[in-house]
């Protein structure tokens, strides 16, 4: 059902519009001066009033990302893939989602150490998550769109890896403007990778939740009814 496909698309659109809005506010009120060099995303979001907006954007993106990670994990498992790769994906996805929230709530002007930790979790661990997803694209199901999703996901992962390496080198050598441009490009590619999940999520046909089924059965009660069953297509 296309309804579930809107979830990753919503994250990609919301995140992209959100951080560029923060950039626009920062440039408008003079918090950053692009004539002196292109700023990091975190630098744009570290000053008031856009810091409040930046924190909320990161929190919402973190929740949406975690939701996508859990649904993708369950989808792969429902198709019979119980391998270690799928377990690794939800662990890496959870950690990187927390990193997104940490980046937004601990601005670099307040607690730089924790902010950098959040950036490491969001970028490096998040990149690991997408590489695992590339592996699952060819090993897991559904496979209807594998012919184009796989190559696109592979290209994005390769580009992200290159950008992470170049960004780190430029940052450590003092070319902060170039490193910042790499960071912006990296985040845009991350949003594209999240948006690609729409191809798999459109095959989700239903969702159901059962509460305390085994507990009630062990007490000899009549089997409980399934709660909150939503057939989507």
C-alpha atoms as a PDB file:
ATOM      1  CA  UNK A   1       0.000   0.000   0.000  1.00  0.00           C
ATOM      2  CA  UNK A   2       1.342   3.412  -0.978  1.00  0.00           C
ATOM      3  CA  UNK A   3       0.335   4.807   2.411  1.00  0.00           C
ATOM      4  CA  UNK A   4       3.355   3.235   4.122  1.00  0.00           C
ATOM      5  CA  UNK A   5       5.614   4.487   1.332  1.00  0.00           C
ATOM      6  CA  UNK A   6       4.817   8.028   2.426  1.00  0.00           C
ATOM      7  CA  UNK A   7       6.694   7.527   5.713  1.00  0.00           C
ATOM      8  CA  UNK A   8      10.269   7.493   4.319  1.00  0.00           C
ATOM      9  CA  UNK A   9       9.329  10.115   1.736  1.00  0.00           C
ATOM     10  CA  UNK A  10       8.011  12.339   4.526  1.00  0.00           C
ATOM     11  CA  UNK A  11      11.281  12.012   6.434  1.00  0.00           C
ATOM     12  CA  UNK A  12      13.325  12.898   3.362  1.00  0.00           C
ATOM     13  CA  UNK A  13      11.206  15.941   2.504  1.00  0.00           C
ATOM     14  CA  UNK A  14      10.780  17.169   6.079  1.00  0.00           C
ATOM     15  CA  UNK A  15      14.464  16.819   6.900  1.00  0.00           C
ATOM     16  CA  UNK A  16      15.619  18.508   3.704  1.00  0.00           C
ATOM     17  CA  UNK A  17      13.231  21.440   4.028  1.00  0.00           C
ATOM     18  CA  UNK A  18      13.954  21.704   7.744  1.00  0.00           C
ATOM     19  CA  UNK A  19      17.735  22.030   7.666  1.00  0.00           C
ATOM     20  CA  UNK A  20      17.682  24.388   4.691  1.00  0.00           C
ATOM     21  CA  UNK A  21      15.172  26.513   6.584  1.00  0.00           C
ATOM     22  CA  UNK A  22      17.602  26.650   9.498  1.00  0.00           C
ATOM     23  CA  UNK A  23      20.335  27.645   7.051  1.00  0.00           C
ATOM     24  CA  UNK A  24      18.149  30.398   5.607  1.00  0.00           C
ATOM     25  CA  UNK A  25      17.344  31.803   9.051  1.00  0.00           C
ATOM     26  CA  UNK A  26      20.999  31.707  10.086  1.00  0.00           C
ATOM     27  CA  UNK A  27      22.069  33.604   6.970  1.00  0.00           C
ATOM     28  CA  UNK A  28      19.217  36.096   7.258  1.00  0.00           C
ATOM     29  CA  UNK A  29      19.872  37.084  10.866  1.00  0.00           C
ATOM     30  CA  UNK A  30      23.630  37.134  10.414  1.00  0.00           C
ATOM     31  CA  UNK A  31      24.432  34.154  12.639  1.00  0.00           C
ATOM     32  CA  UNK A  32      26.660  32.835   9.848  1.00  0.00           C
ATOM     33  CA  UNK A  33      28.456  34.715   7.103  1.00  0.00           C
ATOM     34  CA  UNK A  34      28.704  32.696   3.905  1.00  0.00           C
ATOM     35  CA  UNK A  35      31.182  35.178   2.441  1.00  0.00           C
ATOM     36  CA  UNK A  36      33.743  33.900   4.950  1.00  0.00           C
ATOM     37  CA  UNK A  37      33.106  30.289   4.024  1.00  0.00           C
ATOM     38  CA  UNK A  38      30.281  27.814   3.827  1.00  0.00           C
ATOM     39  CA  UNK A  39      29.074  26.873   7.334  1.00  0.00           C
ATOM     40  CA  UNK A  40      28.536  23.465   8.888  1.00  0.00           C
ATOM     41  CA  UNK A  41      24.940  22.443   9.492  1.00  0.00           C
ATOM     42  CA  UNK A  42      25.608  22.411  13.216  1.00  0.00           C
ATOM     43  CA  UNK A  43      27.001  25.941  13.108  1.00  0.00           C
ATOM     44  CA  UNK A  44      23.795  27.175  11.489  1.00  0.00           C
ATOM     45  CA  UNK A  45      21.739  25.524  14.208  1.00  0.00           C
ATOM     46  CA  UNK A  46      23.775  26.525  17.236  1.00  0.00           C
ATOM     47  CA  UNK A  47      22.533  30.118  17.605  1.00  0.00           C
ATOM     48  CA  UNK A  48      19.145  31.418  18.735  1.00  0.00           C
ATOM     49  CA  UNK A  49      16.427  31.465  17.524  1.00  0.00           C
ATOM     50  CA  UNK A  50      17.119  28.779  14.897  1.00  0.00           C
ATOM     51  CA  UNK A  51      18.704  26.473  17.492  1.00  0.00           C
ATOM     52  CA  UNK A  52      15.239  25.710  18.869  1.00  0.00           C
ATOM     53  CA  UNK A  53      13.961  24.850  15.396  1.00  0.00           C
ATOM     54  CA  UNK A  54      17.066  22.796  14.661  1.00  0.00           C
ATOM     55  CA  UNK A  55      16.578  20.743  17.831  1.00  0.00           C
ATOM     56  CA  UNK A  56      12.943  19.991  16.995  1.00  0.00           C
ATOM     57  CA  UNK A  57      13.799  19.044  13.414  1.00  0.00           C
ATOM     58  CA  UNK A  58      16.462  16.625  14.627  1.00  0.00           C
ATOM     59  CA  UNK A  59      14.097  15.120  17.218  1.00  0.00           C
ATOM     60  CA  UNK A  60      11.333  14.554  14.687  1.00  0.00           C
ATOM     61  CA  UNK A  61      13.781  13.120  12.145  1.00  0.00           C
ATOM     62  CA  UNK A  62      15.164  10.842  14.853  1.00  0.00           C
ATOM     63  CA  UNK A  63      11.705   9.460  15.666  1.00  0.00           C
ATOM     64  CA  UNK A  64      10.797   8.995  11.998  1.00  0.00           C
ATOM     65  CA  UNK A  65      14.139   7.332  11.272  1.00  0.00           C
ATOM     66  CA  UNK A  66      13.717   4.931  14.181  1.00  0.00           C
ATOM     67  CA  UNK A  67      10.187   4.125  13.023  1.00  0.00           C
ATOM     68  CA  UNK A  68      11.499   3.330   9.543  1.00  0.00           C
ATOM     69  CA  UNK A  69      14.317   1.211  10.974  1.00  0.00           C
ATOM     70  CA  UNK A  70      11.891  -0.896  13.028  1.00  0.00           C
ATOM     71  CA  UNK A  71       9.415  -1.363  10.169  1.00  0.00           C
ATOM     72  CA  UNK A  72      12.177  -2.341   7.742  1.00  0.00           C
ATOM     73  CA  UNK A  73      13.568  -4.829  10.260  1.00  0.00           C
ATOM     74  CA  UNK A  74      10.147  -6.404  10.733  1.00  0.00           C
ATOM     75  CA  UNK A  75       9.478  -6.453   7.003  1.00  0.00           C
ATOM     76  CA  UNK A  76      12.696  -8.316   6.249  1.00  0.00           C
ATOM     77  CA  UNK A  77      12.010 -10.732   9.120  1.00  0.00           C
ATOM     78  CA  UNK A  78       8.445 -11.370   7.951  1.00  0.00           C
ATOM     79  CA  UNK A  79       9.827 -12.474   4.610  1.00  0.00           C
ATOM     80  CA  UNK A  80      11.842 -15.158   6.382  1.00  0.00           C
ATOM     81  CA  UNK A  81      15.212 -13.476   6.839  1.00  0.00           C
ATOM     82  CA  UNK A  82      16.229 -13.967  10.478  1.00  0.00           C
ATOM     83  CA  UNK A  83      19.957 -13.561   9.806  1.00  0.00           C
ATOM     84  CA  UNK A  84      22.523 -11.599  11.738  1.00  0.00           C
ATOM     85  CA  UNK A  85      22.545  -8.886   9.092  1.00  0.00           C
ATOM     86  CA  UNK A  86      18.957  -7.961   9.853  1.00  0.00           C
ATOM     87  CA  UNK A  87      19.684  -7.879  13.590  1.00  0.00           C
ATOM     88  CA  UNK A  88      22.749  -5.730  12.942  1.00  0.00           C
ATOM     89  CA  UNK A  89      20.597  -3.363  10.890  1.00  0.00           C
ATOM     90  CA  UNK A  90      18.174  -2.589  13.713  1.00  0.00           C
ATOM     91  CA  UNK A  91      21.042  -2.124  16.196  1.00  0.00           C
ATOM     92  CA  UNK A  92      22.923   0.238  13.895  1.00  0.00           C
ATOM     93  CA  UNK A  93      19.710   2.010  12.934  1.00  0.00           C
ATOM     94  CA  UNK A  94      18.727   2.545  16.559  1.00  0.00           C
ATOM     95  CA  UNK A  95      22.155   3.917  17.476  1.00  0.00           C
ATOM     96  CA  UNK A  96      22.285   6.292  14.501  1.00  0.00           C
ATOM     97  CA  UNK A  97      18.742   7.515  15.221  1.00  0.00           C
ATOM     98  CA  UNK A  98      19.777   8.392  18.761  1.00  0.00           C
ATOM     99  CA  UNK A  99      22.788  10.187  17.305  1.00  0.00           C
ATOM    100  CA  UNK A 100      20.511  12.440  15.244  1.00  0.00           C
ATOM    101  CA  UNK A 101      18.694  13.521  18.407  1.00  0.00           C
ATOM    102  CA  UNK A 102      21.964  14.092  20.267  1.00  0.00           C
ATOM    103  CA  UNK A 103      23.245  16.354  17.474  1.00  0.00           C
ATOM    104  CA  UNK A 104      20.144  18.528  17.686  1.00  0.00           C
ATOM    105  CA  UNK A 105      19.874  18.765  21.464  1.00  0.00           C
ATOM    106  CA  UNK A 106      23.554  19.272  22.323  1.00  0.00           C
ATOM    107  CA  UNK A 107      24.654  22.160  20.120  1.00  0.00           C
ATOM    108  CA  UNK A 108      28.363  22.543  19.441  1.00  0.00           C
ATOM    109  CA  UNK A 109      28.476  25.894  21.248  1.00  0.00           C
ATOM    110  CA  UNK A 110      27.194  24.259  24.444  1.00  0.00           C
ATOM    111  CA  UNK A 111      28.763  20.799  24.785  1.00  0.00           C
ATOM    112  CA  UNK A 112      31.090  20.147  21.858  1.00  0.00           C
ATOM    113  CA  UNK A 113      32.172  16.678  22.997  1.00  0.00           C
ATOM    114  CA  UNK A 114      28.671  15.213  23.173  1.00  0.00           C
ATOM    115  CA  UNK A 115      27.731  16.991  19.953  1.00  0.00           C
ATOM    116  CA  UNK A 116      30.643  15.360  18.131  1.00  0.00           C
ATOM    117  CA  UNK A 117      29.683  12.001  19.606  1.00  0.00           C
ATOM    118  CA  UNK A 118      26.176  12.433  18.214  1.00  0.00           C
ATOM    119  CA  UNK A 119      27.601  13.394  14.815  1.00  0.00           C
ATOM    120  CA  UNK A 120      29.784  10.274  14.824  1.00  0.00           C
ATOM    121  CA  UNK A 121      26.789   8.072  15.633  1.00  0.00           C
ATOM    122  CA  UNK A 122      24.596   9.758  13.034  1.00  0.00           C
ATOM    123  CA  UNK A 123      27.127   9.771  10.194  1.00  0.00           C
ATOM    124  CA  UNK A 124      29.475   6.823  10.680  1.00  0.00           C
ATOM    125  CA  UNK A 125      27.079   4.369  12.325  1.00  0.00           C
ATOM    126  CA  UNK A 126      24.303   5.560  10.013  1.00  0.00           C
ATOM    127  CA  UNK A 127      26.521   4.852   7.017  1.00  0.00           C
ATOM    128  CA  UNK A 128      27.105   1.342   8.357  1.00  0.00           C
ATOM    129  CA  UNK A 129      23.335   0.898   8.597  1.00  0.00           C
ATOM    130  CA  UNK A 130      22.829   1.764   4.937  1.00  0.00           C
ATOM    131  CA  UNK A 131      25.600  -0.593   3.842  1.00  0.00           C
ATOM    132  CA  UNK A 132      23.820  -3.386   5.709  1.00  0.00           C
ATOM    133  CA  UNK A 133      20.589  -2.365   3.985  1.00  0.00           C
ATOM    134  CA  UNK A 134      22.376  -2.625   0.640  1.00  0.00           C
ATOM    135  CA  UNK A 135      23.327  -6.183   1.554  1.00  0.00           C
ATOM    136  CA  UNK A 136      19.730  -6.958   2.533  1.00  0.00           C
ATOM    137  CA  UNK A 137      18.496  -5.465  -0.733  1.00  0.00           C
ATOM    138  CA  UNK A 138      20.033  -8.417  -2.565  1.00  0.00           C
ATOM    139  CA  UNK A 139      19.533 -11.040   0.144  1.00  0.00           C
ATOM    140  CA  UNK A 140      16.103 -10.168   1.513  1.00  0.00           C
ATOM    141  CA  UNK A 141      12.643  -9.578   0.121  1.00  0.00           C
ATOM    142  CA  UNK A 142      10.634  -8.043  -1.462  1.00  0.00           C
ATOM    143  CA  UNK A 143      12.621  -8.065  -4.694  1.00  0.00           C
ATOM    144  CA  UNK A 144      10.224  -6.491  -7.198  1.00  0.00           C
ATOM    145  CA  UNK A 145      12.234  -3.263  -7.368  1.00  0.00           C
ATOM    146  CA  UNK A 146      15.663  -4.733  -6.746  1.00  0.00           C
ATOM    147  CA  UNK A 147      16.773  -4.086 -10.328  1.00  0.00           C
ATOM    148  CA  UNK A 148      16.841  -0.322  -9.758  1.00  0.00           C
ATOM    149  CA  UNK A 149      16.783   0.109  -5.965  1.00  0.00           C
ATOM    150  CA  UNK A 150      19.973  -1.922  -5.551  1.00  0.00           C
ATOM    151  CA  UNK A 151      22.144   0.117  -7.959  1.00  0.00           C
ATOM    152  CA  UNK A 152      20.780   3.453  -6.698  1.00  0.00           C
ATOM    153  CA  UNK A 153      21.356   2.445  -3.076  1.00  0.00           C
ATOM    154  CA  UNK A 154      24.859   1.223  -3.938  1.00  0.00           C
ATOM    155  CA  UNK A 155      25.752   4.490  -5.681  1.00  0.00           C
ATOM    156  CA  UNK A 156      24.466   6.526  -2.738  1.00  0.00           C
ATOM    157  CA  UNK A 157      26.390   4.393  -0.230  1.00  0.00           C
ATOM    158  CA  UNK A 158      29.602   4.716  -2.226  1.00  0.00           C
ATOM    159  CA  UNK A 159      29.192   8.471  -2.540  1.00  0.00           C
ATOM    160  CA  UNK A 160      28.442   8.762   1.193  1.00  0.00           C
ATOM    161  CA  UNK A 161      31.564   6.783   2.045  1.00  0.00           C
ATOM    162  CA  UNK A 162      33.681   9.027  -0.174  1.00  0.00           C
ATOM    163  CA  UNK A 163      32.140  12.157   1.332  1.00  0.00           C
ATOM    164  CA  UNK A 164      32.737  10.957   4.896  1.00  0.00           C
ATOM    165  CA  UNK A 165      36.405  10.316   4.142  1.00  0.00           C
ATOM    166  CA  UNK A 166      36.914  13.605   2.278  1.00  0.00           C
ATOM    167  CA  UNK A 167      35.008  15.534   4.949  1.00  0.00           C
ATOM    168  CA  UNK A 168      37.202  14.094   7.697  1.00  0.00           C
ATOM    169  CA  UNK A 169      40.404  14.887   5.802  1.00  0.00           C
ATOM    170  CA  UNK A 170      39.363  18.441   4.964  1.00  0.00           C
ATOM    171  CA  UNK A 171      38.222  19.118   8.517  1.00  0.00           C
ATOM    172  CA  UNK A 172      41.455  17.852  10.027  1.00  0.00           C
ATOM    173  CA  UNK A 173      43.559  19.859   7.570  1.00  0.00           C
ATOM    174  CA  UNK A 174      41.730  23.123   8.203  1.00  0.00           C
ATOM    175  CA  UNK A 175      39.640  23.355   5.032  1.00  0.00           C
ATOM    176  CA  UNK A 176      36.421  23.818   6.953  1.00  0.00           C
ATOM    177  CA  UNK A 177      34.415  25.300   4.098  1.00  0.00           C
ATOM    178  CA  UNK A 178      35.068  22.285   1.895  1.00  0.00           C
ATOM    179  CA  UNK A 179      34.334  19.943   4.791  1.00  0.00           C
ATOM    180  CA  UNK A 180      31.047  21.755   5.401  1.00  0.00           C
ATOM    181  CA  UNK A 181      30.028  21.331   1.764  1.00  0.00           C
ATOM    182  CA  UNK A 182      30.771  17.617   2.062  1.00  0.00           C
ATOM    183  CA  UNK A 183      28.631  17.479   5.201  1.00  0.00           C
ATOM    184  CA  UNK A 184      25.646  19.090   3.471  1.00  0.00           C
ATOM    185  CA  UNK A 185      25.984  16.749   0.485  1.00  0.00           C
ATOM    186  CA  UNK A 186      26.292  13.778   2.846  1.00  0.00           C
ATOM    187  CA  UNK A 187      23.107  14.674   4.708  1.00  0.00           C
ATOM    188  CA  UNK A 188      21.206  15.131   1.438  1.00  0.00           C
ATOM    189  CA  UNK A 189      22.313  11.663   0.331  1.00  0.00           C
ATOM    190  CA  UNK A 190      21.252  10.226   3.687  1.00  0.00           C
ATOM    191  CA  UNK A 191      17.777  11.646   3.131  1.00  0.00           C
ATOM    192  CA  UNK A 192      17.765  10.094  -0.349  1.00  0.00           C
ATOM    193  CA  UNK A 193      18.707   6.724   1.144  1.00  0.00           C
ATOM    194  CA  UNK A 194      15.855   6.973   3.637  1.00  0.00           C
ATOM    195  CA  UNK A 195      13.487   7.965   0.851  1.00  0.00           C
ATOM    196  CA  UNK A 196      14.456   4.840  -1.108  1.00  0.00           C
ATOM    197  CA  UNK A 197      12.699   2.729   1.519  1.00  0.00           C
ATOM    198  CA  UNK A 198       9.458   3.853  -0.102  1.00  0.00           C
ATOM    199  CA  UNK A 199      10.141   1.247  -2.796  1.00  0.00           C
ATOM    200  CA  UNK A 200      10.065  -1.557  -0.211  1.00  0.00           C
ATOM    201  CA  UNK A 201       7.411  -0.043   2.047  1.00  0.00           C
ATOM    202  CA  UNK A 202       4.849   0.158  -0.743  1.00  0.00           C
ATOM    203  CA  UNK A 203       4.646  -3.650  -0.586  1.00  0.00           C
ATOM    204  CA  UNK A 204       3.474  -3.606   3.049  1.00  0.00           C
ATOM    205  CA  UNK A 205      -0.147  -4.758   3.029  1.00  0.00           C
ATOM    206  CA  UNK A 206      -1.166  -4.843   6.701  1.00  0.00           C
ATOM    207  CA  UNK A 207      -0.192  -4.234  10.302  1.00  0.00           C
ATOM    208  CA  UNK A 208      -1.601  -5.895  13.409  1.00  0.00           C
ATOM    209  CA  UNK A 209      -0.918  -5.706  17.137  1.00  0.00           C
ATOM    210  CA  UNK A 210      -1.806  -8.394  19.674  1.00  0.00           C
ATOM    211  CA  UNK A 211      -1.588  -7.574  23.384  1.00  0.00           C
ATOM    212  CA  UNK A 212      -0.743 -10.280  25.991  1.00  0.00           C
ATOM    213  CA  UNK A 213      -1.823 -13.171  23.818  1.00  0.00           C
ATOM    214  CA  UNK A 214       0.413 -15.760  25.452  1.00  0.00           C
ATOM    215  CA  UNK A 215      -0.187 -14.470  28.990  1.00  0.00           C
ATOM    216  CA  UNK A 216      -3.949 -14.797  28.704  1.00  0.00           C
ATOM    217  CA  UNK A 217      -3.695 -18.177  27.049  1.00  0.00           C
ATOM    218  CA  UNK A 218      -1.526 -19.500  29.880  1.00  0.00           C
ATOM    219  CA  UNK A 219      -4.215 -18.475  32.384  1.00  0.00           C
ATOM    220  CA  UNK A 220      -6.797 -20.553  30.588  1.00  0.00           C
ATOM    221  CA  UNK A 221      -8.741 -17.601  29.306  1.00  0.00           C
ATOM    222  CA  UNK A 222     -10.368 -17.510  25.950  1.00  0.00           C
ATOM    223  CA  UNK A 223      -8.051 -16.383  23.164  1.00  0.00           C
ATOM    224  CA  UNK A 224      -7.991 -12.596  22.992  1.00  0.00           C
ATOM    225  CA  UNK A 225      -9.071 -10.750  19.899  1.00  0.00           C
ATOM    226  CA  UNK A 226      -6.453  -9.088  17.806  1.00  0.00           C
ATOM    227  CA  UNK A 227      -6.406  -5.396  18.568  1.00  0.00           C
ATOM    228  CA  UNK A 228      -5.864  -2.453  16.292  1.00  0.00           C
ATOM    229  CA  UNK A 229      -5.808  -4.430  13.038  1.00  0.00           C
ATOM    230  CA  UNK A 230      -5.526  -2.164  10.028  1.00  0.00           C
ATOM    231  CA  UNK A 231      -5.688  -3.629   6.552  1.00  0.00           C
ATOM    232  CA  UNK A 232      -3.955  -1.238   4.189  1.00  0.00           C
ATOM    233  CA  UNK A 233      -4.380  -2.931   0.853  1.00  0.00           C
END
